[in-house]
């Protein structure tokens, strides 16, 4: 398949601001793609060459790309560097350079999808002393053969700045329409994707075999399952009313969610909540989990926390993040020792356990795990129709340095990739006003004035709506940044910058700059109020009004979370309703509503 055909579709997708139009374009692209290479087209459309959990990296930054572009086109690197700020986009620079190249190739060939994909795979595999030069030569070969439009998208894919804004869920919609006779089958497709999140492989299977192909997809060791997530409520009584009378209450640790895959030979791989392979930074977790599950193959779900080596106290999540490094792993392991608490088993010795009730999975976990000082079963209690007992256990969890509890329905199945009401968080900060930060996605920005001239004065932040796969605005955030953080905002957000509002962003405000919804920030505000402007919760609390976070402050980036892990619209609505019960009188409510 000529790569120029794919590039033309990318150009159309880039120009559209309607999500349904985007899905229709993707459907047409997928139908026109030969099934045996559809996986490659899907990866490239997502700006990658493999699923996230494989950790494949091209290792090409802008400097190396400019060298390759110079080699391919005959335009000096100095000239390219001067032209870049004028065009403001690495893809447009590559397109301009190829269009105006002075070097002539005597062996120019039309690019195919396979040629582009295989070249990128080869670039990723090149390692060693002369790796940079070899990568540059391979990339230059692509640019030598590329048409200007092809060069635009090759440059963006290579530098991870594709900017189409296509996400996995959009791909699933398009696949269902292309090969499963309509989006009515989208749920079945998503269920399989949730247990086998290699969307390229799934695309290839359904293109070749349709619905029958879905039956071939199962839980597989080494391929992470999308984690089940919890809703939140503010009181033990509400939780008992929701999922009682009998519940399993577990300590909620302030650590890193880990899905651990174990082989009978002791091999262990660890995946993050975002399905990234984080095995290397945690040799201690690997060692102690392998010892605890010796002789079995299993997939376990748990939380790893950092421990103060002197006191045994649980350290905050930010301290654990010192472990996420490529170098100095041994030193970090000594400075920030860990304990992993497991709360679920999803697969054991060839059998999928997701459809088993939680109480049965807990029995299997207790029988399987031979606890040691670094690998334990989560601390929990079974509570039967007793709100005061649940409150007591909550207080005990808080006193022990945890965030609170996760309360679960004993009969619940493991719903991969779903945030449902079978699991409910009860955290100490929900017992008041907006004390706990929320995780919001940057969708736009406004240029600053005065001291902030030349950088962004405020960011437009949005909550996620999983039912619609869209992002709805909830605040403009301009506080909480240090001077250095403010100065760095344009550079940090440059990879996500686009020319128009993204198709999945719903906003009544017109930002100065728009972004692909990707970067997640932790935000703390004073309270949540009714808003005549913001779209989050629009019409769901009051007619012709949405919800806004008042006095939002930047607390830090959440690079461990993707946009679909952000705080949801439903959670914002629930937090607003919780607030109302804490207000002293009705007059304060009316003041809040007028804002």
Foldseek 3Di string as FASTA:
>chain_A
DFVVVLLVLLVVLQPDQALVVNLVSLLVVLLPDDLVCQLQSVQLVQLHLFDQAVVQALPDAPLLQLLLLCVQQVDDSVVLVVCCVVVLAQLLSLLVSLVRGPDADPDADGDDSCLLSVLSNVSSPQDDDCSSVVNSPSSSNVSNNDHSSSSSSSRCSNNVQNQSLDDLLSSLQSLCVNQVVHCVCSVLLVQLCQQAVGSSVSSSQSVVPNPVSSVVGDRDFPGHGQAEAAAADAALVVLCVQQDQKKKKFQAAQFWKWKWWADQVLDIWIAGNVRYTQRVLCPVVSVQQCVFQHRKTWIFIWGKFWAQPVPRATDHHVLVCVSRDDPPSVVSCVRTPMAIATQFTQDIRHDGQQQAFSLVRNVVVVVRTPDDPRYYHTDIDIHGRDRVVQVVVQVVSVVRPGQGIWMANRRDGGRRPYHDSRIYDHGPCLNAFQPFWFKWWFWAFAQDDDVRHPFTQWTFTWAAAVVQRATWTAETERAADDPVRRVCVCVVQSSFWGDARHNRYDFQDGHPTGGSGWWMFIKTADHKFWALGTDQCAPVVHDNIHIHGHHIHTDGTDPSDTNVPGHHSVSNVSSNVSHVVNDPDVVVNVVRHVD
